mmCIF file of all heavy atoms, coordinates in Angstrom:
data_MODEL
# 
_entry.id   MODEL 
# 
loop_
_atom_site.group_PDB 
_atom_site.id 
_atom_site.type_symbol 
_atom_site.label_atom_id 
_atom_site.label_alt_id 
_atom_site.label_comp_id 
_atom_site.label_asym_id 
_atom_site.label_entity_id 
_atom_site.label_seq_id 
_atom_site.pdbx_PDB_ins_code 
_atom_site.Cartn_x 
_atom_site.Cartn_y 
_atom_site.Cartn_z 
_atom_site.occupancy 
_atom_site.B_iso_or_equiv 
_atom_site.pdbx_formal_charge 
_atom_site.auth_seq_id 
_atom_site.auth_comp_id 
_atom_site.auth_asym_id 
_atom_site.auth_atom_id 
_atom_site.pdbx_PDB_model_num 
ATOM 1   N N   . HIS A 1 1  ? -26.641 -9.762  -12.275 1.00 0.00 ? 1  HIS A N   1 
ATOM 2   C CA  . HIS A 1 1  ? -25.271 -9.376  -12.525 1.00 0.00 ? 1  HIS A CA  1 
ATOM 3   C C   . HIS A 1 1  ? -24.449 -9.510  -11.306 1.00 0.00 ? 1  HIS A C   1 
ATOM 4   O O   . HIS A 1 1  ? -25.061 -9.615  -10.127 1.00 0.00 ? 1  HIS A O   1 
ATOM 5   C CB  . HIS A 1 1  ? -25.315 -7.877  -12.966 1.00 0.00 ? 1  HIS A CB  1 
ATOM 6   C CG  . HIS A 1 1  ? -24.042 -7.499  -13.818 1.00 0.00 ? 1  HIS A CG  1 
ATOM 7   N ND1 . HIS A 1 1  ? -23.793 -7.886  -15.053 1.00 0.00 ? 1  HIS A ND1 1 
ATOM 8   C CD2 . HIS A 1 1  ? -23.000 -6.655  -13.464 1.00 0.00 ? 1  HIS A CD2 1 
ATOM 9   C CE1 . HIS A 1 1  ? -22.657 -7.396  -15.470 1.00 0.00 ? 1  HIS A CE1 1 
ATOM 10  N NE2 . HIS A 1 1  ? -22.155 -6.668  -14.520 1.00 0.00 ? 1  HIS A NE2 1 
ATOM 11  N N   . PHE A 1 2  ? -23.158 -9.527  -11.388 1.00 0.00 ? 2  PHE A N   1 
ATOM 12  C CA  . PHE A 1 2  ? -22.272 -9.379  -10.314 1.00 0.00 ? 2  PHE A CA  1 
ATOM 13  C C   . PHE A 1 2  ? -21.479 -8.143  -10.403 1.00 0.00 ? 2  PHE A C   1 
ATOM 14  O O   . PHE A 1 2  ? -21.012 -7.770  -11.520 1.00 0.00 ? 2  PHE A O   1 
ATOM 15  C CB  . PHE A 1 2  ? -21.301 -10.584 -10.259 1.00 0.00 ? 2  PHE A CB  1 
ATOM 16  C CG  . PHE A 1 2  ? -21.922 -11.955 -9.925  1.00 0.00 ? 2  PHE A CG  1 
ATOM 17  C CD1 . PHE A 1 2  ? -22.364 -12.826 -10.899 1.00 0.00 ? 2  PHE A CD1 1 
ATOM 18  C CD2 . PHE A 1 2  ? -22.153 -12.299 -8.564  1.00 0.00 ? 2  PHE A CD2 1 
ATOM 19  C CE1 . PHE A 1 2  ? -22.998 -14.043 -10.533 1.00 0.00 ? 2  PHE A CE1 1 
ATOM 20  C CE2 . PHE A 1 2  ? -22.789 -13.480 -8.257  1.00 0.00 ? 2  PHE A CE2 1 
ATOM 21  C CZ  . PHE A 1 2  ? -23.140 -14.339 -9.199  1.00 0.00 ? 2  PHE A CZ  1 
ATOM 22  N N   . VAL A 1 3  ? -21.125 -7.520  -9.223  1.00 0.00 ? 3  VAL A N   1 
ATOM 23  C CA  . VAL A 1 3  ? -20.316 -6.390  -9.237  1.00 0.00 ? 3  VAL A CA  1 
ATOM 24  C C   . VAL A 1 3  ? -19.150 -6.753  -8.283  1.00 0.00 ? 3  VAL A C   1 
ATOM 25  O O   . VAL A 1 3  ? -19.356 -7.097  -7.098  1.00 0.00 ? 3  VAL A O   1 
ATOM 26  C CB  . VAL A 1 3  ? -20.964 -5.110  -8.687  1.00 0.00 ? 3  VAL A CB  1 
ATOM 27  C CG1 . VAL A 1 3  ? -20.018 -3.973  -8.517  1.00 0.00 ? 3  VAL A CG1 1 
ATOM 28  C CG2 . VAL A 1 3  ? -22.123 -4.726  -9.595  1.00 0.00 ? 3  VAL A CG2 1 
ATOM 29  N N   . ALA A 1 4  ? -17.901 -6.779  -8.820  1.00 0.00 ? 4  ALA A N   1 
ATOM 30  C CA  . ALA A 1 4  ? -16.693 -6.997  -8.018  1.00 0.00 ? 4  ALA A CA  1 
ATOM 31  C C   . ALA A 1 4  ? -16.222 -5.737  -7.420  1.00 0.00 ? 4  ALA A C   1 
ATOM 32  O O   . ALA A 1 4  ? -15.818 -4.815  -8.155  1.00 0.00 ? 4  ALA A O   1 
ATOM 33  C CB  . ALA A 1 4  ? -15.651 -7.696  -8.896  1.00 0.00 ? 4  ALA A CB  1 
ATOM 34  N N   . ALA A 1 5  ? -16.212 -5.570  -6.189  1.00 0.00 ? 5  ALA A N   1 
ATOM 35  C CA  . ALA A 1 5  ? -15.814 -4.309  -5.426  1.00 0.00 ? 5  ALA A CA  1 
ATOM 36  C C   . ALA A 1 5  ? -14.496 -4.550  -4.816  1.00 0.00 ? 5  ALA A C   1 
ATOM 37  O O   . ALA A 1 5  ? -14.327 -5.442  -3.989  1.00 0.00 ? 5  ALA A O   1 
ATOM 38  C CB  . ALA A 1 5  ? -16.907 -3.941  -4.444  1.00 0.00 ? 5  ALA A CB  1 
ATOM 39  N N   . THR A 1 6  ? -13.510 -3.758  -5.191  1.00 0.00 ? 6  THR A N   1 
ATOM 40  C CA  . THR A 1 6  ? -12.173 -3.880  -4.626  1.00 0.00 ? 6  THR A CA  1 
ATOM 41  C C   . THR A 1 6  ? -11.679 -2.571  -4.039  1.00 0.00 ? 6  THR A C   1 
ATOM 42  O O   . THR A 1 6  ? -12.210 -1.519  -4.347  1.00 0.00 ? 6  THR A O   1 
ATOM 43  C CB  . THR A 1 6  ? -11.142 -4.408  -5.630  1.00 0.00 ? 6  THR A CB  1 
ATOM 44  O OG1 . THR A 1 6  ? -10.829 -3.354  -6.532  1.00 0.00 ? 6  THR A OG1 1 
ATOM 45  C CG2 . THR A 1 6  ? -11.643 -5.588  -6.448  1.00 0.00 ? 6  THR A CG2 1 
ATOM 46  N N   . ASN A 1 7  ? -10.656 -2.710  -3.220  1.00 0.00 ? 7  ASN A N   1 
ATOM 47  C CA  . ASN A 1 7  ? -9.948  -1.424  -2.793  1.00 0.00 ? 7  ASN A CA  1 
ATOM 48  C C   . ASN A 1 7  ? -8.863  -1.098  -3.849  1.00 0.00 ? 7  ASN A C   1 
ATOM 49  O O   . ASN A 1 7  ? -9.067  -1.491  -5.061  1.00 0.00 ? 7  ASN A O   1 
ATOM 50  C CB  . ASN A 1 7  ? -9.375  -1.673  -1.381  1.00 0.00 ? 7  ASN A CB  1 
ATOM 51  C CG  . ASN A 1 7  ? -8.475  -2.925  -1.305  1.00 0.00 ? 7  ASN A CG  1 
ATOM 52  O OD1 . ASN A 1 7  ? -7.873  -3.359  -2.277  1.00 0.00 ? 7  ASN A OD1 1 
ATOM 53  N ND2 . ASN A 1 7  ? -8.548  -3.605  -0.110  1.00 0.00 ? 7  ASN A ND2 1 
ATOM 54  N N   . ALA A 1 8  ? -7.727  -0.584  -3.444  1.00 0.00 ? 8  ALA A N   1 
ATOM 55  C CA  . ALA A 1 8  ? -6.674  -0.228  -4.370  1.00 0.00 ? 8  ALA A CA  1 
ATOM 56  C C   . ALA A 1 8  ? -6.083  -1.400  -5.150  1.00 0.00 ? 8  ALA A C   1 
ATOM 57  O O   . ALA A 1 8  ? -5.437  -1.230  -6.163  1.00 0.00 ? 8  ALA A O   1 
ATOM 58  C CB  . ALA A 1 8  ? -5.589  0.549   -3.659  1.00 0.00 ? 8  ALA A CB  1 
ATOM 59  N N   . ASN A 1 9  ? -6.357  -2.561  -4.555  1.00 0.00 ? 9  ASN A N   1 
ATOM 60  C CA  . ASN A 1 9  ? -5.796  -3.840  -5.271  1.00 0.00 ? 9  ASN A CA  1 
ATOM 61  C C   . ASN A 1 9  ? -6.866  -4.295  -6.286  1.00 0.00 ? 9  ASN A C   1 
ATOM 62  O O   . ASN A 1 9  ? -7.643  -5.115  -6.089  1.00 0.00 ? 9  ASN A O   1 
ATOM 63  C CB  . ASN A 1 9  ? -5.566  -4.921  -4.192  1.00 0.00 ? 9  ASN A CB  1 
ATOM 64  C CG  . ASN A 1 9  ? -4.559  -4.471  -3.159  1.00 0.00 ? 9  ASN A CG  1 
ATOM 65  O OD1 . ASN A 1 9  ? -3.390  -4.503  -3.456  1.00 0.00 ? 9  ASN A OD1 1 
ATOM 66  N ND2 . ASN A 1 9  ? -4.997  -4.058  -2.014  1.00 0.00 ? 9  ASN A ND2 1 
ATOM 67  N N   . ASP A 1 10 ? -6.779  -3.569  -7.431  1.00 0.00 ? 10 ASP A N   1 
ATOM 68  C CA  . ASP A 1 10 ? -7.821  -3.653  -8.395  1.00 0.00 ? 10 ASP A CA  1 
ATOM 69  C C   . ASP A 1 10 ? -7.384  -4.471  -9.712  1.00 0.00 ? 10 ASP A C   1 
ATOM 70  O O   . ASP A 1 10 ? -7.818  -4.051  -10.800 1.00 0.00 ? 10 ASP A O   1 
ATOM 71  C CB  . ASP A 1 10 ? -8.319  -2.247  -8.779  1.00 0.00 ? 10 ASP A CB  1 
ATOM 72  C CG  . ASP A 1 10 ? -7.175  -1.393  -9.449  1.00 0.00 ? 10 ASP A CG  1 
ATOM 73  O OD1 . ASP A 1 10 ? -5.958  -1.812  -9.390  1.00 0.00 ? 10 ASP A OD1 1 
ATOM 74  O OD2 . ASP A 1 10 ? -7.459  -0.303  -9.977  1.00 0.00 ? 10 ASP A OD2 1 
ATOM 75  N N   . VAL A 1 11 ? -6.680  -5.487  -9.524  1.00 0.00 ? 11 VAL A N   1 
ATOM 76  C CA  . VAL A 1 11 ? -6.235  -6.281  -10.702 1.00 0.00 ? 11 VAL A CA  1 
ATOM 77  C C   . VAL A 1 11 ? -7.453  -6.757  -11.528 1.00 0.00 ? 11 VAL A C   1 
ATOM 78  O O   . VAL A 1 11 ? -7.411  -6.682  -12.807 1.00 0.00 ? 11 VAL A O   1 
ATOM 79  C CB  . VAL A 1 11 ? -5.376  -7.446  -10.173 1.00 0.00 ? 11 VAL A CB  1 
ATOM 80  C CG1 . VAL A 1 11 ? -5.059  -8.388  -11.289 1.00 0.00 ? 11 VAL A CG1 1 
ATOM 81  C CG2 . VAL A 1 11 ? -4.037  -6.919  -9.656  1.00 0.00 ? 11 VAL A CG2 1 
ATOM 82  N N   . VAL A 1 12 ? -8.491  -7.320  -10.936 1.00 0.00 ? 12 VAL A N   1 
ATOM 83  C CA  . VAL A 1 12 ? -9.601  -7.844  -11.645 1.00 0.00 ? 12 VAL A CA  1 
ATOM 84  C C   . VAL A 1 12 ? -10.451 -6.754  -12.309 1.00 0.00 ? 12 VAL A C   1 
ATOM 85  O O   . VAL A 1 12 ? -10.825 -6.793  -13.535 1.00 0.00 ? 12 VAL A O   1 
ATOM 86  C CB  . VAL A 1 12 ? -10.417 -8.807  -10.805 1.00 0.00 ? 12 VAL A CB  1 
ATOM 87  C CG1 . VAL A 1 12 ? -11.644 -9.236  -11.565 1.00 0.00 ? 12 VAL A CG1 1 
ATOM 88  C CG2 . VAL A 1 12 ? -9.584  -10.053 -10.533 1.00 0.00 ? 12 VAL A CG2 1 
ATOM 89  N N   . PRO A 1 13 ? -10.809 -5.682  -11.595 1.00 0.00 ? 13 PRO A N   1 
ATOM 90  C CA  . PRO A 1 13 ? -11.525 -4.598  -12.280 1.00 0.00 ? 13 PRO A CA  1 
ATOM 91  C C   . PRO A 1 13 ? -10.720 -4.009  -13.479 1.00 0.00 ? 13 PRO A C   1 
ATOM 92  O O   . PRO A 1 13 ? -11.332 -3.732  -14.471 1.00 0.00 ? 13 PRO A O   1 
ATOM 93  C CB  . PRO A 1 13 ? -11.631 -3.528  -11.187 1.00 0.00 ? 13 PRO A CB  1 
ATOM 94  C CG  . PRO A 1 13 ? -11.772 -4.301  -9.869  1.00 0.00 ? 13 PRO A CG  1 
ATOM 95  C CD  . PRO A 1 13 ? -10.768 -5.440  -10.079 1.00 0.00 ? 13 PRO A CD  1 
ATOM 96  N N   . GLN A 1 14 ? -9.413  -3.961  -13.351 1.00 0.00 ? 14 GLN A N   1 
ATOM 97  C CA  . GLN A 1 14 ? -8.613  -3.523  -14.513 1.00 0.00 ? 14 GLN A CA  1 
ATOM 98  C C   . GLN A 1 14 ? -8.711  -4.448  -15.664 1.00 0.00 ? 14 GLN A C   1 
ATOM 99  O O   . GLN A 1 14 ? -8.806  -4.129  -16.837 1.00 0.00 ? 14 GLN A O   1 
ATOM 100 C CB  . GLN A 1 14 ? -7.161  -3.259  -14.107 1.00 0.00 ? 14 GLN A CB  1 
ATOM 101 C CG  . GLN A 1 14 ? -6.899  -2.036  -13.236 1.00 0.00 ? 14 GLN A CG  1 
ATOM 102 C CD  . GLN A 1 14 ? -7.378  -0.721  -13.866 1.00 0.00 ? 14 GLN A CD  1 
ATOM 103 O OE1 . GLN A 1 14 ? -7.152  -0.533  -15.017 1.00 0.00 ? 14 GLN A OE1 1 
ATOM 104 N NE2 . GLN A 1 14 ? -7.982  0.100   -13.145 1.00 0.00 ? 14 GLN A NE2 1 
ATOM 105 N N   . TYR A 1 15 ? -8.686  -5.770  -15.325 1.00 0.00 ? 15 TYR A N   1 
ATOM 106 C CA  . TYR A 1 15 ? -8.836  -6.786  -16.419 1.00 0.00 ? 15 TYR A CA  1 
ATOM 107 C C   . TYR A 1 15 ? -10.126 -6.690  -17.033 1.00 0.00 ? 15 TYR A C   1 
ATOM 108 O O   . TYR A 1 15 ? -10.262 -6.761  -18.324 1.00 0.00 ? 15 TYR A O   1 
ATOM 109 C CB  . TYR A 1 15 ? -8.680  -8.203  -15.786 1.00 0.00 ? 15 TYR A CB  1 
ATOM 110 C CG  . TYR A 1 15 ? -9.059  -9.279  -16.706 1.00 0.00 ? 15 TYR A CG  1 
ATOM 111 C CD1 . TYR A 1 15 ? -8.264  -9.707  -17.780 1.00 0.00 ? 15 TYR A CD1 1 
ATOM 112 C CD2 . TYR A 1 15 ? -10.329 -9.909  -16.598 1.00 0.00 ? 15 TYR A CD2 1 
ATOM 113 C CE1 . TYR A 1 15 ? -8.670  -10.671 -18.701 1.00 0.00 ? 15 TYR A CE1 1 
ATOM 114 C CE2 . TYR A 1 15 ? -10.731 -10.868 -17.501 1.00 0.00 ? 15 TYR A CE2 1 
ATOM 115 C CZ  . TYR A 1 15 ? -9.890  -11.287 -18.554 1.00 0.00 ? 15 TYR A CZ  1 
ATOM 116 O OH  . TYR A 1 15 ? -10.287 -12.223 -19.398 1.00 0.00 ? 15 TYR A OH  1 
ATOM 117 N N   . LEU A 1 16 ? -11.261 -6.462  -16.262 1.00 0.00 ? 16 LEU A N   1 
ATOM 118 C CA  . LEU A 1 16 ? -12.604 -6.415  -16.858 1.00 0.00 ? 16 LEU A CA  1 
ATOM 119 C C   . LEU A 1 16 ? -12.671 -5.209  -17.796 1.00 0.00 ? 16 LEU A C   1 
ATOM 120 O O   . LEU A 1 16 ? -13.477 -5.189  -18.761 1.00 0.00 ? 16 LEU A O   1 
ATOM 121 C CB  . LEU A 1 16 ? -13.606 -6.331  -15.746 1.00 0.00 ? 16 LEU A CB  1 
ATOM 122 C CG  . LEU A 1 16 ? -13.771 -7.580  -14.900 1.00 0.00 ? 16 LEU A CG  1 
ATOM 123 C CD1 . LEU A 1 16 ? -14.575 -7.309  -13.710 1.00 0.00 ? 16 LEU A CD1 1 
ATOM 124 C CD2 . LEU A 1 16 ? -14.470 -8.656  -15.816 1.00 0.00 ? 16 LEU A CD2 1 
ATOM 125 N N   . LYS A 1 17 ? -11.887 -4.111  -17.547 1.00 0.00 ? 17 LYS A N   1 
ATOM 126 C CA  . LYS A 1 17 ? -11.992 -2.902  -18.420 1.00 0.00 ? 17 LYS A CA  1 
ATOM 127 C C   . LYS A 1 17 ? -11.112 -3.123  -19.634 1.00 0.00 ? 17 LYS A C   1 
ATOM 128 O O   . LYS A 1 17 ? -11.442 -2.630  -20.723 1.00 0.00 ? 17 LYS A O   1 
ATOM 129 C CB  . LYS A 1 17 ? -11.485 -1.753  -17.598 1.00 0.00 ? 17 LYS A CB  1 
ATOM 130 C CG  . LYS A 1 17 ? -12.390 -1.237  -16.515 1.00 0.00 ? 17 LYS A CG  1 
ATOM 131 C CD  . LYS A 1 17 ? -11.726 -0.128  -15.618 1.00 0.00 ? 17 LYS A CD  1 
ATOM 132 C CE  . LYS A 1 17 ? -12.617 0.243   -14.520 1.00 0.00 ? 17 LYS A CE  1 
ATOM 133 N NZ  . LYS A 1 17 ? -11.987 1.242   -13.626 1.00 0.00 ? 17 LYS A NZ  1 
ATOM 134 N N   . SER A 1 18 ? -9.928  -3.743  -19.489 1.00 0.00 ? 18 SER A N   1 
ATOM 135 C CA  . SER A 1 18 ? -8.936  -3.868  -20.619 1.00 0.00 ? 18 SER A CA  1 
ATOM 136 C C   . SER A 1 18 ? -8.758  -5.183  -21.285 1.00 0.00 ? 18 SER A C   1 
ATOM 137 O O   . SER A 1 18 ? -8.190  -5.198  -22.371 1.00 0.00 ? 18 SER A O   1 
ATOM 138 C CB  . SER A 1 18 ? -7.592  -3.303  -20.086 1.00 0.00 ? 18 SER A CB  1 
ATOM 139 O OG  . SER A 1 18 ? -7.028  -4.279  -19.137 1.00 0.00 ? 18 SER A OG  1 
ATOM 140 N N   . GLY A 1 19 ? -9.040  -6.258  -20.587 1.00 0.00 ? 19 GLY A N   1 
ATOM 141 C CA  . GLY A 1 19 ? -8.816  -7.584  -21.086 1.00 0.00 ? 19 GLY A CA  1 
ATOM 142 C C   . GLY A 1 19 ? -7.334  -7.979  -20.826 1.00 0.00 ? 19 GLY A C   1 
ATOM 143 O O   . GLY A 1 19 ? -6.903  -9.087  -21.223 1.00 0.00 ? 19 GLY A O   1 
ATOM 144 N N   . ASP A 1 20 ? -6.647  -7.164  -20.048 1.00 0.00 ? 20 ASP A N   1 
ATOM 145 C CA  . ASP A 1 20 ? -5.177  -7.461  -19.776 1.00 0.00 ? 20 ASP A CA  1 
ATOM 146 C C   . ASP A 1 20 ? -5.066  -7.823  -18.254 1.00 0.00 ? 20 ASP A C   1 
ATOM 147 O O   . ASP A 1 20 ? -5.321  -6.941  -17.423 1.00 0.00 ? 20 ASP A O   1 
ATOM 148 C CB  . ASP A 1 20 ? -4.349  -6.246  -20.082 1.00 0.00 ? 20 ASP A CB  1 
ATOM 149 C CG  . ASP A 1 20 ? -2.894  -6.573  -20.003 1.00 0.00 ? 20 ASP A CG  1 
ATOM 150 O OD1 . ASP A 1 20 ? -2.468  -7.706  -20.030 1.00 0.00 ? 20 ASP A OD1 1 
ATOM 151 O OD2 . ASP A 1 20 ? -2.080  -5.571  -19.828 1.00 0.00 ? 20 ASP A OD2 1 
ATOM 152 N N   . TYR A 1 21 ? -4.711  -9.086  -17.973 1.00 0.00 ? 21 TYR A N   1 
ATOM 153 C CA  . TYR A 1 21 ? -4.586  -9.534  -16.569 1.00 0.00 ? 21 TYR A CA  1 
ATOM 154 C C   . TYR A 1 21 ? -3.210  -9.350  -16.084 1.00 0.00 ? 21 TYR A C   1 
ATOM 155 O O   . TYR A 1 21 ? -2.348  -10.018 -16.633 1.00 0.00 ? 21 TYR A O   1 
ATOM 156 C CB  . TYR A 1 21 ? -5.044  -10.957 -16.434 1.00 0.00 ? 21 TYR A CB  1 
ATOM 157 C CG  . TYR A 1 21 ? -5.023  -11.461 -15.016 1.00 0.00 ? 21 TYR A CG  1 
ATOM 158 C CD1 . TYR A 1 21 ? -5.835  -10.911 -13.987 1.00 0.00 ? 21 TYR A CD1 1 
ATOM 159 C CD2 . TYR A 1 21 ? -4.183  -12.507 -14.696 1.00 0.00 ? 21 TYR A CD2 1 
ATOM 160 C CE1 . TYR A 1 21 ? -5.774  -11.355 -12.721 1.00 0.00 ? 21 TYR A CE1 1 
ATOM 161 C CE2 . TYR A 1 21 ? -4.185  -13.015 -13.346 1.00 0.00 ? 21 TYR A CE2 1 
ATOM 162 C CZ  . TYR A 1 21 ? -4.909  -12.442 -12.433 1.00 0.00 ? 21 TYR A CZ  1 
ATOM 163 O OH  . TYR A 1 21 ? -4.846  -12.938 -11.091 1.00 0.00 ? 21 TYR A OH  1 
ATOM 164 N N   . GLN A 1 22 ? -2.986  -8.436  -15.194 1.00 0.00 ? 22 GLN A N   1 
ATOM 165 C CA  . GLN A 1 22 ? -1.612  -8.116  -14.740 1.00 0.00 ? 22 GLN A CA  1 
ATOM 166 C C   . GLN A 1 22 ? -1.529  -8.128  -13.223 1.00 0.00 ? 22 GLN A C   1 
ATOM 167 O O   . GLN A 1 22 ? -1.700  -7.080  -12.599 1.00 0.00 ? 22 GLN A O   1 
ATOM 168 C CB  . GLN A 1 22 ? -1.229  -6.798  -15.272 1.00 0.00 ? 22 GLN A CB  1 
ATOM 169 C CG  . GLN A 1 22 ? -0.959  -6.669  -16.780 1.00 0.00 ? 22 GLN A CG  1 
ATOM 170 C CD  . GLN A 1 22 ? 0.212   -7.440  -17.190 1.00 0.00 ? 22 GLN A CD  1 
ATOM 171 O OE1 . GLN A 1 22 ? 1.195   -7.660  -16.425 1.00 0.00 ? 22 GLN A OE1 1 
ATOM 172 N NE2 . GLN A 1 22 ? 0.212   -7.893  -18.466 1.00 0.00 ? 22 GLN A NE2 1 
ATOM 173 N N   . PRO A 1 23 ? -1.330  -9.391  -12.665 1.00 0.00 ? 23 PRO A N   1 
ATOM 174 C CA  . PRO A 1 23 ? -1.171  -9.346  -11.131 1.00 0.00 ? 23 PRO A CA  1 
ATOM 175 C C   . PRO A 1 23 ? 0.048   -8.507  -10.736 1.00 0.00 ? 23 PRO A C   1 
ATOM 176 O O   . PRO A 1 23 ? 0.964   -8.354  -11.537 1.00 0.00 ? 23 PRO A O   1 
ATOM 177 C CB  . PRO A 1 23 ? -0.869  -10.878 -10.860 1.00 0.00 ? 23 PRO A CB  1 
ATOM 178 C CG  . PRO A 1 23 ? -1.387  -11.609 -12.075 1.00 0.00 ? 23 PRO A CG  1 
ATOM 179 C CD  . PRO A 1 23 ? -1.201  -10.669 -13.230 1.00 0.00 ? 23 PRO A CD  1 
ATOM 180 N N   . ARG A 1 24 ? 0.003   -7.977  -9.520  1.00 0.00 ? 24 ARG A N   1 
ATOM 181 C CA  . ARG A 1 24 ? 1.051   -7.141  -9.084  1.00 0.00 ? 24 ARG A CA  1 
ATOM 182 C C   . ARG A 1 24 ? 1.113   -7.223  -7.472  1.00 0.00 ? 24 ARG A C   1 
ATOM 183 O O   . ARG A 1 24 ? 0.180   -7.651  -6.918  1.00 0.00 ? 24 ARG A O   1 
ATOM 184 C CB  . ARG A 1 24 ? 0.850   -5.689  -9.524  1.00 0.00 ? 24 ARG A CB  1 
ATOM 185 C CG  . ARG A 1 24 ? -0.405  -5.062  -9.014  1.00 0.00 ? 24 ARG A CG  1 
ATOM 186 C CD  . ARG A 1 24 ? -0.517  -3.570  -9.462  1.00 0.00 ? 24 ARG A CD  1 
ATOM 187 N NE  . ARG A 1 24 ? -1.661  -2.911  -8.827  1.00 0.00 ? 24 ARG A NE  1 
ATOM 188 C CZ  . ARG A 1 24 ? -2.904  -2.868  -9.367  1.00 0.00 ? 24 ARG A CZ  1 
ATOM 189 N NH1 . ARG A 1 24 ? -3.124  -3.463  -10.545 1.00 0.00 ? 24 ARG A NH1 1 
ATOM 190 N NH2 . ARG A 1 24 ? -3.812  -2.242  -8.739  1.00 0.00 ? 24 ARG A NH2 1 
# 
């Protein structure tokens, strides 16, 4: 498995949870 570890810039972890990709 891969674990993507981010700081507060969590665009990809949020996508993996919701399916909604929202760059900011």
